[in-house]
Amino acid sequence: MSNRSNRVLVPEAKEALNKFKLEAAHEVGTPLSEGYNGDLTSRQNGSVGGQMVKKMVQDYENKLSGK
């Protein structure tokens, strides 16, 4: 049995999530492209994920504060 933790929970959001990931990569200067990115380092990939989380937390905080 396969346990895939990286599956999209809302399939309709997959395209938006990919766009979000590419924007975050651009913001941190990581050369992420659509398709294969196996030549990127763990540090580069981690910086993209970290930027995504940072932006999600910021958005949530703005919603909580009524901005």
PDB file of N, CA and C in Angstrom:
ATOM      1  N   MET A   1       0.845  -1.178   0.000  1.00  0.00           N
ATOM      2  CA  MET A   1       0.000   0.000   0.000  1.00  0.00           C
ATOM      3  C   MET A   1       0.888   1.238   0.000  1.00  0.00           C
ATOM      4  N   SER A   2       0.580   2.162  -0.862  1.00  0.00           N
ATOM      5  CA  SER A   2       1.355   3.388  -1.003  1.00  0.00           C
ATOM      6  C   SER A   2       0.756   4.497  -0.148  1.00  0.00           C
ATOM      7  N   ASN A   3       1.602   5.207   0.554  1.00  0.00           N
ATOM      8  CA  ASN A   3       1.165   6.336   1.371  1.00  0.00           C
ATOM      9  C   ASN A   3       1.763   7.600   0.774  1.00  0.00           C
ATOM     10  N   ARG A   4       1.031   8.250  -0.108  1.00  0.00           N
ATOM     11  CA  ARG A   4       1.521   9.463  -0.767  1.00  0.00           C
ATOM     12  C   ARG A   4       1.058  10.674   0.015  1.00  0.00           C
ATOM     13  N   SER A   5       1.998  11.363   0.626  1.00  0.00           N
ATOM     14  CA  SER A   5       1.642  12.537   1.411  1.00  0.00           C
ATOM     15  C   SER A   5       1.631  13.805   0.570  1.00  0.00           C
ATOM     16  N   ASN A   6       2.071  13.727  -0.684  1.00  0.00           N
ATOM     17  CA  ASN A   6       2.129  14.927  -1.506  1.00  0.00           C
ATOM     18  C   ASN A   6       0.979  15.014  -2.506  1.00  0.00           C
ATOM     19  N   ARG A   7      -0.071  14.294  -2.271  1.00  0.00           N
ATOM     20  CA  ARG A   7      -1.214  14.351  -3.189  1.00  0.00           C
ATOM     21  C   ARG A   7      -2.021  15.619  -2.928  1.00  0.00           C
ATOM     22  N   VAL A   8      -2.630  16.124  -3.959  1.00  0.00           N
ATOM     23  CA  VAL A   8      -3.459  17.319  -3.858  1.00  0.00           C
ATOM     24  C   VAL A   8      -4.819  16.903  -3.314  1.00  0.00           C
ATOM     25  N   LEU A   9      -5.229  17.519  -2.216  1.00  0.00           N
ATOM     26  CA  LEU A   9      -6.491  17.160  -1.583  1.00  0.00           C
ATOM     27  C   LEU A   9      -7.681  17.674  -2.361  1.00  0.00           C
ATOM     28  N   VAL A  10      -7.501  18.791  -3.059  1.00  0.00           N
ATOM     29  CA  VAL A  10      -8.567  19.365  -3.892  1.00  0.00           C
ATOM     30  C   VAL A  10      -8.019  19.421  -5.315  1.00  0.00           C
ATOM     31  N   PRO A  11      -8.344  18.421  -6.136  1.00  0.00           N
ATOM     32  CA  PRO A  11      -7.772  18.353  -7.488  1.00  0.00           C
ATOM     33  C   PRO A  11      -7.957  19.624  -8.319  1.00  0.00           C
ATOM     34  N   GLU A  12      -9.033  20.350  -8.083  1.00  0.00           N
ATOM     35  CA  GLU A  12      -9.287  21.581  -8.834  1.00  0.00           C
ATOM     36  C   GLU A  12      -8.251  22.656  -8.520  1.00  0.00           C
ATOM     37  N   ALA A  13      -7.535  22.509  -7.421  1.00  0.00           N
ATOM     38  CA  ALA A  13      -6.556  23.512  -7.002  1.00  0.00           C
ATOM     39  C   ALA A  13      -5.151  23.215  -7.509  1.00  0.00           C
ATOM     40  N   LYS A  14      -4.958  22.104  -8.194  1.00  0.00           N
ATOM     41  CA  LYS A  14      -3.610  21.695  -8.601  1.00  0.00           C
ATOM     42  C   LYS A  14      -2.907  22.748  -9.455  1.00  0.00           C
ATOM     43  N   GLU A  15      -3.605  23.303 -10.425  1.00  0.00           N
ATOM     44  CA  GLU A  15      -2.996  24.309 -11.304  1.00  0.00           C
ATOM     45  C   GLU A  15      -2.599  25.559 -10.518  1.00  0.00           C
ATOM     46  N   ALA A  16      -3.460  26.001  -9.611  1.00  0.00           N
ATOM     47  CA  ALA A  16      -3.159  27.179  -8.795  1.00  0.00           C
ATOM     48  C   ALA A  16      -1.979  26.918  -7.876  1.00  0.00           C
ATOM     49  N   LEU A  17      -1.894  25.712  -7.331  1.00  0.00           N
ATOM     50  CA  LEU A  17      -0.768  25.368  -6.461  1.00  0.00           C
ATOM     51  C   LEU A  17       0.545  25.349  -7.243  1.00  0.00           C
ATOM     52  N   ASN A  18       0.522  24.838  -8.454  1.00  0.00           N
ATOM     53  CA  ASN A  18       1.730  24.846  -9.282  1.00  0.00           C
ATOM     54  C   ASN A  18       2.162  26.270  -9.596  1.00  0.00           C
ATOM     55  N   LYS A  19       1.211  27.140  -9.886  1.00  0.00           N
ATOM     56  CA  LYS A  19       1.524  28.547 -10.152  1.00  0.00           C
ATOM     57  C   LYS A  19       2.113  29.196  -8.900  1.00  0.00           C
ATOM     58  N   PHE A  20       1.528  28.909  -7.751  1.00  0.00           N
ATOM     59  CA  PHE A  20       2.006  29.433  -6.471  1.00  0.00           C
ATOM     60  C   PHE A  20       3.443  28.981  -6.216  1.00  0.00           C
ATOM     61  N   LYS A  21       3.720  27.719  -6.503  1.00  0.00           N
ATOM     62  CA  LYS A  21       5.066  27.171  -6.298  1.00  0.00           C
ATOM     63  C   LYS A  21       6.083  27.869  -7.208  1.00  0.00           C
ATOM     64  N   LEU A  22       5.723  28.084  -8.466  1.00  0.00           N
ATOM     65  CA  LEU A  22       6.623  28.758  -9.401  1.00  0.00           C
ATOM     66  C   LEU A  22       6.866  30.209  -8.984  1.00  0.00           C
ATOM     67  N   GLU A  23       5.840  30.890  -8.478  1.00  0.00           N
ATOM     68  CA  GLU A  23       6.003  32.264  -7.997  1.00  0.00           C
ATOM     69  C   GLU A  23       6.934  32.308  -6.785  1.00  0.00           C
ATOM     70  N   ALA A  24       6.760  31.365  -5.868  1.00  0.00           N
ATOM     71  CA  ALA A  24       7.614  31.315  -4.680  1.00  0.00           C
ATOM     72  C   ALA A  24       9.058  31.033  -5.082  1.00  0.00           C
ATOM     73  N   ALA A  25       9.257  30.154  -6.045  1.00  0.00           N
ATOM     74  CA  ALA A  25      10.602  29.847  -6.520  1.00  0.00           C
ATOM     75  C   ALA A  25      11.258  31.085  -7.123  1.00  0.00           C
ATOM     76  N   HIS A  26      10.499  31.825  -7.885  1.00  0.00           N
ATOM     77  CA  HIS A  26      11.024  33.052  -8.497  1.00  0.00           C
ATOM     78  C   HIS A  26      11.420  34.057  -7.415  1.00  0.00           C
ATOM     79  N   GLU A  27      10.608  34.175  -6.362  1.00  0.00           N
ATOM     80  CA  GLU A  27      10.876  35.133  -5.284  1.00  0.00           C
ATOM     81  C   GLU A  27      12.171  34.821  -4.539  1.00  0.00           C
ATOM     82  N   VAL A  28      12.506  33.544  -4.406  1.00  0.00           N
ATOM     83  CA  VAL A  28      13.731  33.182  -3.684  1.00  0.00           C
ATOM     84  C   VAL A  28      14.905  32.915  -4.622  1.00  0.00           C
ATOM     85  N   GLY A  29      14.668  33.087  -5.924  1.00  0.00           N
ATOM     86  CA  GLY A  29      15.753  32.943  -6.892  1.00  0.00           C
ATOM     87  C   GLY A  29      16.113  31.513  -7.244  1.00  0.00           C
ATOM     88  N   THR A  30      15.176  30.604  -7.099  1.00  0.00           N
ATOM     89  CA  THR A  30      15.418  29.205  -7.453  1.00  0.00           C
ATOM     90  C   THR A  30      14.909  28.956  -8.873  1.00  0.00           C
ATOM     91  N   PRO A  31      15.763  28.386  -9.727  1.00  0.00           N
ATOM     92  CA  PRO A  31      15.377  28.172 -11.130  1.00  0.00           C
ATOM     93  C   PRO A  31      14.450  26.972 -11.312  1.00  0.00           C
ATOM     94  N   LEU A  32      13.263  27.068 -10.766  1.00  0.00           N
ATOM     95  CA  LEU A  32      12.280  25.993 -10.854  1.00  0.00           C
ATOM     96  C   LEU A  32      11.521  26.125 -12.159  1.00  0.00           C
ATOM     97  N   SER A  33      11.317  25.012 -12.828  1.00  0.00           N
ATOM     98  CA  SER A  33      10.553  25.035 -14.069  1.00  0.00           C
ATOM     99  C   SER A  33       9.500  23.943 -14.011  1.00  0.00           C
ATOM    100  N   GLU A  34       8.553  24.010 -14.929  1.00  0.00           N
ATOM    101  CA  GLU A  34       7.552  22.953 -14.995  1.00  0.00           C
ATOM    102  C   GLU A  34       8.234  21.694 -15.505  1.00  0.00           C
ATOM    103  N   GLY A  35       7.837  20.558 -14.984  1.00  0.00           N
ATOM    104  CA  GLY A  35       8.461  19.305 -15.388  1.00  0.00           C
ATOM    105  C   GLY A  35       9.544  18.882 -14.414  1.00  0.00           C
ATOM    106  N   TYR A  36      10.579  18.264 -14.941  1.00  0.00           N
ATOM    107  CA  TYR A  36      11.652  17.681 -14.129  1.00  0.00           C
ATOM    108  C   TYR A  36      12.512  18.760 -13.482  1.00  0.00           C
ATOM    109  N   ASN A  37      12.732  18.637 -12.175  1.00  0.00           N
ATOM    110  CA  ASN A  37      13.592  19.560 -11.433  1.00  0.00           C
ATOM    111  C   ASN A  37      14.549  18.798 -10.520  1.00  0.00           C
ATOM    112  N   GLY A  38      14.902  17.583 -10.917  1.00  0.00           N
ATOM    113  CA  GLY A  38      15.761  16.738 -10.101  1.00  0.00           C
ATOM    114  C   GLY A  38      17.182  17.235  -9.956  1.00  0.00           C
ATOM    115  N   ASP A  39      17.566  18.235 -10.738  1.00  0.00           N
ATOM    116  CA  ASP A  39      18.911  18.770 -10.632  1.00  0.00           C
ATOM    117  C   ASP A  39      19.031  19.854  -9.564  1.00  0.00           C
ATOM    118  N   LEU A  40      17.934  20.218  -8.918  1.00  0.00           N
ATOM    119  CA  LEU A  40      17.976  21.217  -7.858  1.00  0.00           C
ATOM    120  C   LEU A  40      18.415  20.571  -6.549  1.00  0.00           C
ATOM    121  N   THR A  41      19.068  21.360  -5.711  1.00  0.00           N
ATOM    122  CA  THR A  41      19.531  20.844  -4.425  1.00  0.00           C
ATOM    123  C   THR A  41      18.394  20.814  -3.413  1.00  0.00           C
ATOM    124  N   SER A  42      18.603  20.087  -2.345  1.00  0.00           N
ATOM    125  CA  SER A  42      17.608  20.050  -1.266  1.00  0.00           C
ATOM    126  C   SER A  42      17.425  21.438  -0.681  1.00  0.00           C
ATOM    127  N   ARG A  43      18.503  22.189  -0.587  1.00  0.00           N
ATOM    128  CA  ARG A  43      18.426  23.550  -0.050  1.00  0.00           C
ATOM    129  C   ARG A  43      17.539  24.430  -0.934  1.00  0.00           C
ATOM    130  N   GLN A  44      17.701  24.319  -2.249  1.00  0.00           N
ATOM    131  CA  GLN A  44      16.881  25.109  -3.166  1.00  0.00           C
ATOM    132  C   GLN A  44      15.405  24.721  -3.039  1.00  0.00           C
ATOM    133  N   ASN A  45      15.137  23.432  -3.040  1.00  0.00           N
ATOM    134  CA  ASN A  45      13.753  22.970  -2.908  1.00  0.00           C
ATOM    135  C   ASN A  45      13.160  23.385  -1.572  1.00  0.00           C
ATOM    136  N   GLY A  46      13.952  23.309  -0.520  1.00  0.00           N
ATOM    137  CA  GLY A  46      13.489  23.709   0.808  1.00  0.00           C
ATOM    138  C   GLY A  46      13.171  25.183   0.883  1.00  0.00           C
ATOM    139  N   SER A  47      13.961  25.996   0.186  1.00  0.00           N
ATOM    140  CA  SER A  47      13.699  27.437   0.207  1.00  0.00           C
ATOM    141  C   SER A  47      12.374  27.757  -0.477  1.00  0.00           C
ATOM    142  N   VAL A  48      12.029  27.000  -1.510  1.00  0.00           N
ATOM    143  CA  VAL A  48      10.746  27.203  -2.190  1.00  0.00           C
ATOM    144  C   VAL A  48       9.606  26.837  -1.241  1.00  0.00           C
ATOM    145  N   GLY A  49       9.704  25.678  -0.604  1.00  0.00           N
ATOM    146  CA  GLY A  49       8.669  25.261   0.340  1.00  0.00           C
ATOM    147  C   GLY A  49       8.549  26.220   1.508  1.00  0.00           C
ATOM    148  N   GLY A  50       9.679  26.698   2.004  1.00  0.00           N
ATOM    149  CA  GLY A  50       9.666  27.657   3.106  1.00  0.00           C
ATOM    150  C   GLY A  50       8.994  28.960   2.724  1.00  0.00           C
ATOM    151  N   GLN A  51       9.268  29.425   1.505  1.00  0.00           N
ATOM    152  CA  GLN A  51       8.641  30.657   1.020  1.00  0.00           C
ATOM    153  C   GLN A  51       7.138  30.467   0.874  1.00  0.00           C
ATOM    154  N   MET A  52       6.731  29.297   0.406  1.00  0.00           N
ATOM    155  CA  MET A  52       5.297  29.027   0.262  1.00  0.00           C
ATOM    156  C   MET A  52       4.604  29.067   1.624  1.00  0.00           C
ATOM    157  N   VAL A  53       5.208  28.438   2.623  1.00  0.00           N
ATOM    158  CA  VAL A  53       4.621  28.420   3.964  1.00  0.00           C
ATOM    159  C   VAL A  53       4.583  29.829   4.533  1.00  0.00           C
ATOM    160  N   LYS A  54       5.659  30.579   4.344  1.00  0.00           N
ATOM    161  CA  LYS A  54       5.716  31.954   4.841  1.00  0.00           C
ATOM    162  C   LYS A  54       4.567  32.784   4.260  1.00  0.00           C
ATOM    163  N   LYS A  55       4.324  32.650   2.962  1.00  0.00           N
ATOM    164  CA  LYS A  55       3.258  33.410   2.313  1.00  0.00           C
ATOM    165  C   LYS A  55       1.875  32.941   2.781  1.00  0.00           C
ATOM    166  N   MET A  56       1.713  31.640   3.005  1.00  0.00           N
ATOM    167  CA  MET A  56       0.422  31.131   3.485  1.00  0.00           C
ATOM    168  C   MET A  56       0.128  31.627   4.897  1.00  0.00           C
ATOM    169  N   VAL A  57       1.142  31.624   5.758  1.00  0.00           N
ATOM    170  CA  VAL A  57       0.960  32.107   7.127  1.00  0.00           C
ATOM    171  C   VAL A  57       0.645  33.605   7.103  1.00  0.00           C
ATOM    172  N   GLN A  58       1.372  34.347   6.276  1.00  0.00           N
ATOM    173  CA  GLN A  58       1.131  35.783   6.166  1.00  0.00           C
ATOM    174  C   GLN A  58      -0.300  36.059   5.697  1.00  0.00           C
ATOM    175  N   ASP A  59      -0.763  35.319   4.713  1.00  0.00           N
ATOM    176  CA  ASP A  59      -2.122  35.487   4.215  1.00  0.00           C
ATOM    177  C   ASP A  59      -3.147  35.175   5.308  1.00  0.00           C
ATOM    178  N   TYR A  60      -2.915  34.118   6.058  1.00  0.00           N
ATOM    179  CA  TYR A  60      -3.838  33.741   7.130  1.00  0.00           C
ATOM    180  C   TYR A  60      -3.868  34.800   8.230  1.00  0.00           C
ATOM    181  N   GLU A  61      -2.678  35.332   8.592  1.00  0.00           N
ATOM    182  CA  GLU A  61      -2.619  36.374   9.599  1.00  0.00           C
ATOM    183  C   GLU A  61      -3.360  37.620   9.132  1.00  0.00           C
ATOM    184  N   ASN A  62      -3.212  37.954   7.842  1.00  0.00           N
ATOM    185  CA  ASN A  62      -3.936  39.108   7.312  1.00  0.00           C
ATOM    186  C   ASN A  62      -5.430  38.896   7.381  1.00  0.00           C
ATOM    187  N   LYS A  63      -5.899  37.691   7.105  1.00  0.00           N
ATOM    188  CA  LYS A  63      -7.330  37.397   7.186  1.00  0.00           C
ATOM    189  C   LYS A  63      -7.822  37.497   8.634  1.00  0.00           C
ATOM    190  N   LEU A  64      -7.005  37.022   9.576  1.00  0.00           N
ATOM    191  CA  LEU A  64      -7.405  37.100  10.984  1.00  0.00           C
ATOM    192  C   LEU A  64      -7.487  38.527  11.481  1.00  0.00           C
ATOM    193  N   SER A  65      -6.596  39.381  10.966  1.00  0.00           N
ATOM    194  CA  SER A  65      -6.572  40.763  11.431  1.00  0.00           C
ATOM    195  C   SER A  65      -7.542  41.646  10.649  1.00  0.00           C
ATOM    196  N   GLY A  66      -8.216  41.079   9.665  1.00  0.00           N
ATOM    197  CA  GLY A  66      -9.214  41.824   8.908  1.00  0.00           C
ATOM    198  C   GLY A  66      -8.650  42.669   7.777  1.00  0.00           C
ATOM    199  N   LYS A  67      -7.428  42.412   7.372  1.00  0.00           N
ATOM    200  CA  LYS A  67      -6.822  43.182   6.272  1.00  0.00           C
ATOM    201  C   LYS A  67      -7.222  42.622   4.942  1.00  0.00           C
TER     202      LYS A  67
END
